[in-house]
């Protein structure tokens, strides 16, 4: 098992898996609290502004071996932020927006920032759709999850999801909690950490944000 320091070139999933490879805990092995602002205007949805807060143990691992001295801290934080974003890209940025069978894609992230507050790392970034989506009242579904469920990602409540001021008058939303079956829970609990990840498992355990926007003018 190769080292990920100091280049931090493993995927976020691999990073977390390496950290907890000796753990006897069941999945997940890391926790991220999410906040999301849906961006747009009176006719289109443009993307999302994200703020993801890592738990303290994962935060400690993110910074293990990194130069966090005052004169280098900002560069270190920026380097880590960029690496995390780059390495999530192949996994659809852990952010899945769908309209029926249609899945939306995103532009590259250019504004990722990482900071620490009370011992927790907070990653913020803007995820813009490849093309703004002109809404007409259709149901859209947003899920944020690690496909293999090594990372638990969740909104604490529907209040953690907001619409931009220009978009808010036209939109409504509801947050649906996951309801995995007993068999799915048992499967998640029994998968060894060195097993090939099940890339459909995360979807089973993730929250679902249903929302729609309509301009009646």
C-alpha atoms as a PDB file:
ATOM      1  CA  UNK A   1       0.000   0.000   0.000  1.00  0.00           C
ATOM      2  CA  UNK A   2       1.691   3.161  -1.194  1.00  0.00           C
ATOM      3  CA  UNK A   3       2.064   6.385   0.732  1.00  0.00           C
ATOM      4  CA  UNK A   4      -0.082   9.366  -0.235  1.00  0.00           C
ATOM      5  CA  UNK A   5       2.187  11.945   1.406  1.00  0.00           C
ATOM      6  CA  UNK A   6       3.289  14.532   0.555  1.00  0.00           C
ATOM      7  CA  UNK A   7       1.796  14.659  -2.935  1.00  0.00           C
ATOM      8  CA  UNK A   8      -1.778  13.943  -1.835  1.00  0.00           C
ATOM      9  CA  UNK A   9      -2.516  12.383  -5.224  1.00  0.00           C
ATOM     10  CA  UNK A  10      -4.821   9.589  -4.084  1.00  0.00           C
ATOM     11  CA  UNK A  11      -8.522  10.037  -4.653  1.00  0.00           C
ATOM     12  CA  UNK A  12     -10.517  11.257  -1.681  1.00  0.00           C
ATOM     13  CA  UNK A  13     -11.966   7.781  -1.401  1.00  0.00           C
ATOM     14  CA  UNK A  14      -8.534   6.151  -1.401  1.00  0.00           C
ATOM     15  CA  UNK A  15      -7.277   8.680   1.121  1.00  0.00           C
ATOM     16  CA  UNK A  16     -10.018   7.831   3.553  1.00  0.00           C
ATOM     17  CA  UNK A  17      -9.696   4.112   2.917  1.00  0.00           C
ATOM     18  CA  UNK A  18      -5.978   4.209   3.675  1.00  0.00           C
ATOM     19  CA  UNK A  19      -6.605   6.104   6.874  1.00  0.00           C
ATOM     20  CA  UNK A  20      -9.095   3.584   8.193  1.00  0.00           C
ATOM     21  CA  UNK A  21      -7.646   0.407   6.705  1.00  0.00           C
ATOM     22  CA  UNK A  22      -6.922  -1.003  10.174  1.00  0.00           C
ATOM     23  CA  UNK A  23     -10.286   0.002  11.612  1.00  0.00           C
ATOM     24  CA  UNK A  24     -12.931  -2.491  12.697  1.00  0.00           C
ATOM     25  CA  UNK A  25     -15.710   0.034  12.158  1.00  0.00           C
ATOM     26  CA  UNK A  26     -18.410  -0.674   9.617  1.00  0.00           C
ATOM     27  CA  UNK A  27     -18.998   1.721   6.748  1.00  0.00           C
ATOM     28  CA  UNK A  28     -18.821   4.669   6.590  1.00  0.00           C
ATOM     29  CA  UNK A  29     -15.365   5.619   7.821  1.00  0.00           C
ATOM     30  CA  UNK A  30     -15.622   9.388   7.509  1.00  0.00           C
ATOM     31  CA  UNK A  31     -18.325  12.017   7.828  1.00  0.00           C
ATOM     32  CA  UNK A  32     -18.922  15.221   5.889  1.00  0.00           C
ATOM     33  CA  UNK A  33     -21.659  17.720   6.783  1.00  0.00           C
ATOM     34  CA  UNK A  34     -22.885  19.425   3.633  1.00  0.00           C
ATOM     35  CA  UNK A  35     -24.450  22.798   2.924  1.00  0.00           C
ATOM     36  CA  UNK A  36     -25.656  23.656  -0.565  1.00  0.00           C
ATOM     37  CA  UNK A  37     -26.850  26.832  -2.244  1.00  0.00           C
ATOM     38  CA  UNK A  38     -28.601  26.287  -5.568  1.00  0.00           C
ATOM     39  CA  UNK A  39     -27.591  29.034  -7.997  1.00  0.00           C
ATOM     40  CA  UNK A  40     -29.682  30.561 -10.750  1.00  0.00           C
ATOM     41  CA  UNK A  41     -32.088  33.303 -11.750  1.00  0.00           C
ATOM     42  CA  UNK A  42     -35.705  33.710 -12.830  1.00  0.00           C
ATOM     43  CA  UNK A  43     -35.323  31.338 -15.787  1.00  0.00           C
ATOM     44  CA  UNK A  44     -32.340  29.032 -15.234  1.00  0.00           C
ATOM     45  CA  UNK A  45     -30.538  26.878 -12.713  1.00  0.00           C
ATOM     46  CA  UNK A  46     -26.807  27.468 -13.028  1.00  0.00           C
ATOM     47  CA  UNK A  47     -25.157  25.205 -10.445  1.00  0.00           C
ATOM     48  CA  UNK A  48     -24.319  24.871  -6.777  1.00  0.00           C
ATOM     49  CA  UNK A  49     -22.268  26.588  -4.110  1.00  0.00           C
ATOM     50  CA  UNK A  50     -20.957  23.909  -1.748  1.00  0.00           C
ATOM     51  CA  UNK A  51     -19.608  23.975   1.786  1.00  0.00           C
ATOM     52  CA  UNK A  52     -18.440  20.618   3.127  1.00  0.00           C
ATOM     53  CA  UNK A  53     -17.255  20.222   6.732  1.00  0.00           C
ATOM     54  CA  UNK A  54     -15.043  17.214   7.532  1.00  0.00           C
ATOM     55  CA  UNK A  55     -15.110  15.462  10.892  1.00  0.00           C
ATOM     56  CA  UNK A  56     -12.154  16.073  13.221  1.00  0.00           C
ATOM     57  CA  UNK A  57     -10.481  12.710  12.676  1.00  0.00           C
ATOM     58  CA  UNK A  58     -10.501  13.051   8.907  1.00  0.00           C
ATOM     59  CA  UNK A  59      -9.321  16.640   9.267  1.00  0.00           C
ATOM     60  CA  UNK A  60      -6.351  15.470  11.324  1.00  0.00           C
ATOM     61  CA  UNK A  61      -5.454  12.977   8.624  1.00  0.00           C
ATOM     62  CA  UNK A  62      -5.782  15.540   5.837  1.00  0.00           C
ATOM     63  CA  UNK A  63      -3.143  17.667   7.527  1.00  0.00           C
ATOM     64  CA  UNK A  64      -0.900  14.858   8.766  1.00  0.00           C
ATOM     65  CA  UNK A  65       2.629  15.507   7.513  1.00  0.00           C
ATOM     66  CA  UNK A  66       1.650  18.758   5.820  1.00  0.00           C
ATOM     67  CA  UNK A  67       3.393  22.060   6.470  1.00  0.00           C
ATOM     68  CA  UNK A  68       0.856  24.014   8.494  1.00  0.00           C
ATOM     69  CA  UNK A  69       3.333  26.573   9.807  1.00  0.00           C
ATOM     70  CA  UNK A  70       1.999  30.150   9.692  1.00  0.00           C
ATOM     71  CA  UNK A  71       4.163  31.120   6.713  1.00  0.00           C
ATOM     72  CA  UNK A  72       3.053  28.102   4.628  1.00  0.00           C
ATOM     73  CA  UNK A  73      -0.438  27.359   5.890  1.00  0.00           C
ATOM     74  CA  UNK A  74      -2.390  29.163   3.186  1.00  0.00           C
ATOM     75  CA  UNK A  75      -0.452  27.490   0.372  1.00  0.00           C
ATOM     76  CA  UNK A  76      -0.864  24.099   2.033  1.00  0.00           C
ATOM     77  CA  UNK A  77      -4.608  24.591   2.392  1.00  0.00           C
ATOM     78  CA  UNK A  78      -4.927  25.689  -1.227  1.00  0.00           C
ATOM     79  CA  UNK A  79      -2.861  22.749  -2.486  1.00  0.00           C
ATOM     80  CA  UNK A  80      -4.970  20.254  -0.551  1.00  0.00           C
ATOM     81  CA  UNK A  81      -8.211  21.868  -1.736  1.00  0.00           C
ATOM     82  CA  UNK A  82      -7.098  21.679  -5.359  1.00  0.00           C
ATOM     83  CA  UNK A  83      -6.026  18.063  -5.026  1.00  0.00           C
ATOM     84  CA  UNK A  84      -9.291  16.979  -3.418  1.00  0.00           C
ATOM     85  CA  UNK A  85     -11.315  18.665  -6.172  1.00  0.00           C
ATOM     86  CA  UNK A  86      -9.140  17.197  -8.946  1.00  0.00           C
ATOM     87  CA  UNK A  87      -9.422  13.723  -7.535  1.00  0.00           C
ATOM     88  CA  UNK A  88     -13.203  13.858  -7.054  1.00  0.00           C
ATOM     89  CA  UNK A  89     -13.718  14.839 -10.671  1.00  0.00           C
ATOM     90  CA  UNK A  90     -13.792  11.250 -12.031  1.00  0.00           C
ATOM     91  CA  UNK A  91     -16.510  10.434  -9.472  1.00  0.00           C
ATOM     92  CA  UNK A  92     -18.820  13.171 -10.804  1.00  0.00           C
ATOM     93  CA  UNK A  93     -17.669  15.489  -8.004  1.00  0.00           C
ATOM     94  CA  UNK A  94     -19.759  13.305  -5.644  1.00  0.00           C
ATOM     95  CA  UNK A  95     -22.710  15.454  -6.809  1.00  0.00           C
ATOM     96  CA  UNK A  96     -25.501  13.962  -8.897  1.00  0.00           C
ATOM     97  CA  UNK A  97     -28.243  16.105 -10.411  1.00  0.00           C
ATOM     98  CA  UNK A  98     -30.863  14.247 -12.433  1.00  0.00           C
ATOM     99  CA  UNK A  99     -34.067  14.981 -14.321  1.00  0.00           C
ATOM    100  CA  UNK A 100     -35.649  11.618 -14.922  1.00  0.00           C
ATOM    101  CA  UNK A 101     -33.022   9.561 -16.743  1.00  0.00           C
ATOM    102  CA  UNK A 102     -31.017  12.660 -17.693  1.00  0.00           C
ATOM    103  CA  UNK A 103     -27.892  13.397 -15.630  1.00  0.00           C
ATOM    104  CA  UNK A 104     -26.310  16.840 -15.654  1.00  0.00           C
ATOM    105  CA  UNK A 105     -22.564  17.441 -15.975  1.00  0.00           C
ATOM    106  CA  UNK A 106     -20.390  20.231 -14.611  1.00  0.00           C
ATOM    107  CA  UNK A 107     -17.648  22.623 -15.521  1.00  0.00           C
ATOM    108  CA  UNK A 108     -14.266  22.326 -13.843  1.00  0.00           C
ATOM    109  CA  UNK A 109     -14.090  23.881 -10.383  1.00  0.00           C
ATOM    110  CA  UNK A 110     -11.897  26.987 -10.262  1.00  0.00           C
ATOM    111  CA  UNK A 111     -12.555  28.484  -6.814  1.00  0.00           C
ATOM    112  CA  UNK A 112     -11.946  25.679  -4.299  1.00  0.00           C
ATOM    113  CA  UNK A 113     -10.888  26.879  -0.844  1.00  0.00           C
ATOM    114  CA  UNK A 114     -10.057  25.051   2.362  1.00  0.00           C
ATOM    115  CA  UNK A 115     -10.068  26.490   5.869  1.00  0.00           C
ATOM    116  CA  UNK A 116     -10.165  25.188   9.430  1.00  0.00           C
ATOM    117  CA  UNK A 117     -12.724  26.110  12.080  1.00  0.00           C
ATOM    118  CA  UNK A 118     -12.641  24.565  15.561  1.00  0.00           C
ATOM    119  CA  UNK A 119     -10.512  21.657  14.452  1.00  0.00           C
ATOM    120  CA  UNK A 120     -12.543  20.823  11.361  1.00  0.00           C
ATOM    121  CA  UNK A 121     -11.583  21.319   7.720  1.00  0.00           C
ATOM    122  CA  UNK A 122     -14.177  23.132   5.613  1.00  0.00           C
ATOM    123  CA  UNK A 123     -14.012  22.849   1.828  1.00  0.00           C
ATOM    124  CA  UNK A 124     -15.965  25.363  -0.257  1.00  0.00           C
ATOM    125  CA  UNK A 125     -16.333  25.450  -4.024  1.00  0.00           C
ATOM    126  CA  UNK A 126     -18.718  26.348  -6.843  1.00  0.00           C
ATOM    127  CA  UNK A 127     -19.988  23.631  -9.152  1.00  0.00           C
ATOM    128  CA  UNK A 128     -21.482  25.129 -12.308  1.00  0.00           C
ATOM    129  CA  UNK A 129     -23.521  23.156 -14.824  1.00  0.00           C
ATOM    130  CA  UNK A 130     -21.917  22.746 -18.229  1.00  0.00           C
ATOM    131  CA  UNK A 131     -24.914  24.664 -19.554  1.00  0.00           C
ATOM    132  CA  UNK A 132     -27.515  26.591 -17.518  1.00  0.00           C
ATOM    133  CA  UNK A 133     -30.748  24.623 -17.279  1.00  0.00           C
ATOM    134  CA  UNK A 134     -33.933  26.451 -18.297  1.00  0.00           C
ATOM    135  CA  UNK A 135     -36.551  25.276 -15.839  1.00  0.00           C
ATOM    136  CA  UNK A 136     -40.238  24.762 -16.540  1.00  0.00           C
ATOM    137  CA  UNK A 137     -41.498  23.118 -13.369  1.00  0.00           C
ATOM    138  CA  UNK A 138     -39.914  19.700 -13.891  1.00  0.00           C
ATOM    139  CA  UNK A 139     -38.864  17.656 -10.870  1.00  0.00           C
ATOM    140  CA  UNK A 140     -35.113  17.651 -10.308  1.00  0.00           C
ATOM    141  CA  UNK A 141     -33.272  15.312  -7.964  1.00  0.00           C
ATOM    142  CA  UNK A 142     -29.994  16.177  -6.231  1.00  0.00           C
ATOM    143  CA  UNK A 143     -27.878  13.669  -4.313  1.00  0.00           C
ATOM    144  CA  UNK A 144     -24.423  14.157  -2.790  1.00  0.00           C
ATOM    145  CA  UNK A 145     -22.638  10.938  -1.970  1.00  0.00           C
ATOM    146  CA  UNK A 146     -19.492   8.863  -2.155  1.00  0.00           C
ATOM    147  CA  UNK A 147     -20.534   6.050  -4.530  1.00  0.00           C
ATOM    148  CA  UNK A 148     -18.958   3.321  -2.409  1.00  0.00           C
ATOM    149  CA  UNK A 149     -20.159   4.696   0.962  1.00  0.00           C
ATOM    150  CA  UNK A 150     -16.803   5.033   2.675  1.00  0.00           C
ATOM    151  CA  UNK A 151     -17.804   8.640   3.327  1.00  0.00           C
ATOM    152  CA  UNK A 152     -21.133   9.612   4.890  1.00  0.00           C
ATOM    153  CA  UNK A 153     -22.230  12.912   3.337  1.00  0.00           C
ATOM    154  CA  UNK A 154     -25.432  14.525   4.528  1.00  0.00           C
ATOM    155  CA  UNK A 155     -27.425  17.687   5.113  1.00  0.00           C
ATOM    156  CA  UNK A 156     -28.437  18.066   8.773  1.00  0.00           C
ATOM    157  CA  UNK A 157     -31.834  19.391   7.679  1.00  0.00           C
ATOM    158  CA  UNK A 158     -33.637  20.992   4.754  1.00  0.00           C
ATOM    159  CA  UNK A 159     -32.393  24.337   6.111  1.00  0.00           C
ATOM    160  CA  UNK A 160     -28.909  23.393   4.900  1.00  0.00           C
ATOM    161  CA  UNK A 161     -30.197  23.746   1.325  1.00  0.00           C
ATOM    162  CA  UNK A 162     -30.886  27.257   0.086  1.00  0.00           C
ATOM    163  CA  UNK A 163     -31.693  28.924  -3.210  1.00  0.00           C
ATOM    164  CA  UNK A 164     -29.943  32.051  -4.415  1.00  0.00           C
ATOM    165  CA  UNK A 165     -32.008  35.203  -3.871  1.00  0.00           C
ATOM    166  CA  UNK A 166     -32.739  35.507  -7.610  1.00  0.00           C
ATOM    167  CA  UNK A 167     -33.942  31.899  -7.793  1.00  0.00           C
ATOM    168  CA  UNK A 168     -35.771  31.532  -4.477  1.00  0.00           C
ATOM    169  CA  UNK A 169     -39.170  32.988  -5.509  1.00  0.00           C
ATOM    170  CA  UNK A 170     -39.598  30.332  -8.177  1.00  0.00           C
ATOM    171  CA  UNK A 171     -38.558  27.146  -6.371  1.00  0.00           C
ATOM    172  CA  UNK A 172     -39.697  24.659  -3.749  1.00  0.00           C
ATOM    173  CA  UNK A 173     -37.928  21.638  -2.307  1.00  0.00           C
ATOM    174  CA  UNK A 174     -38.212  18.676   0.016  1.00  0.00           C
ATOM    175  CA  UNK A 175     -35.557  16.502   1.621  1.00  0.00           C
ATOM    176  CA  UNK A 176     -36.129  12.742   1.732  1.00  0.00           C
ATOM    177  CA  UNK A 177     -34.156  10.568   4.118  1.00  0.00           C
ATOM    178  CA  UNK A 178     -32.846   7.204   2.876  1.00  0.00           C
ATOM    179  CA  UNK A 179     -34.598   3.974   3.840  1.00  0.00           C
ATOM    180  CA  UNK A 180     -32.245   1.104   3.065  1.00  0.00           C
ATOM    181  CA  UNK A 181     -33.503  -2.421   3.554  1.00  0.00           C
ATOM    182  CA  UNK A 182     -32.150  -4.702   6.268  1.00  0.00           C
ATOM    183  CA  UNK A 183     -30.324  -6.683   3.591  1.00  0.00           C
ATOM    184  CA  UNK A 184     -28.639  -3.523   2.268  1.00  0.00           C
ATOM    185  CA  UNK A 185     -27.593  -2.475   5.765  1.00  0.00           C
ATOM    186  CA  UNK A 186     -26.159  -5.924   6.449  1.00  0.00           C
ATOM    187  CA  UNK A 187     -24.251  -5.813   3.184  1.00  0.00           C
ATOM    188  CA  UNK A 188     -22.747  -2.437   4.045  1.00  0.00           C
ATOM    189  CA  UNK A 189     -21.757  -3.649   7.497  1.00  0.00           C
ATOM    190  CA  UNK A 190     -20.076  -6.789   6.219  1.00  0.00           C
ATOM    191  CA  UNK A 191     -17.979  -5.525   3.301  1.00  0.00           C
ATOM    192  CA  UNK A 192     -14.252  -5.707   4.160  1.00  0.00           C
ATOM    193  CA  UNK A 193     -12.360  -2.421   3.726  1.00  0.00           C
ATOM    194  CA  UNK A 194     -10.030  -4.082   1.202  1.00  0.00           C
ATOM    195  CA  UNK A 195     -12.902  -5.289  -0.995  1.00  0.00           C
ATOM    196  CA  UNK A 196     -13.553  -3.799  -4.419  1.00  0.00           C
ATOM    197  CA  UNK A 197     -15.902  -0.852  -3.761  1.00  0.00           C
ATOM    198  CA  UNK A 198     -19.553  -1.281  -4.681  1.00  0.00           C
ATOM    199  CA  UNK A 199     -20.164   1.931  -6.596  1.00  0.00           C
ATOM    200  CA  UNK A 200     -23.937   1.661  -6.172  1.00  0.00           C
ATOM    201  CA  UNK A 201     -23.902   1.348  -2.397  1.00  0.00           C
ATOM    202  CA  UNK A 202     -23.604   5.045  -1.621  1.00  0.00           C
ATOM    203  CA  UNK A 203     -26.780   5.873  -3.527  1.00  0.00           C
ATOM    204  CA  UNK A 204     -28.773   3.514  -1.310  1.00  0.00           C
ATOM    205  CA  UNK A 205     -27.807   5.391   1.864  1.00  0.00           C
ATOM    206  CA  UNK A 206     -27.871   8.966   0.654  1.00  0.00           C
ATOM    207  CA  UNK A 207     -30.487  11.659   1.155  1.00  0.00           C
ATOM    208  CA  UNK A 208     -32.510  12.841  -1.825  1.00  0.00           C
ATOM    209  CA  UNK A 209     -33.315  16.480  -2.458  1.00  0.00           C
ATOM    210  CA  UNK A 210     -36.367  16.873  -4.670  1.00  0.00           C
ATOM    211  CA  UNK A 211     -36.927  20.350  -6.053  1.00  0.00           C
ATOM    212  CA  UNK A 212     -38.614  22.174  -8.882  1.00  0.00           C
ATOM    213  CA  UNK A 213     -38.694  25.726 -10.172  1.00  0.00           C
ATOM    214  CA  UNK A 214     -41.340  27.454 -12.245  1.00  0.00           C
ATOM    215  CA  UNK A 215     -41.655  30.973 -13.577  1.00  0.00           C
ATOM    216  CA  UNK A 216     -45.336  31.481 -14.307  1.00  0.00           C
ATOM    217  CA  UNK A 217     -44.891  34.822 -16.022  1.00  0.00           C
END
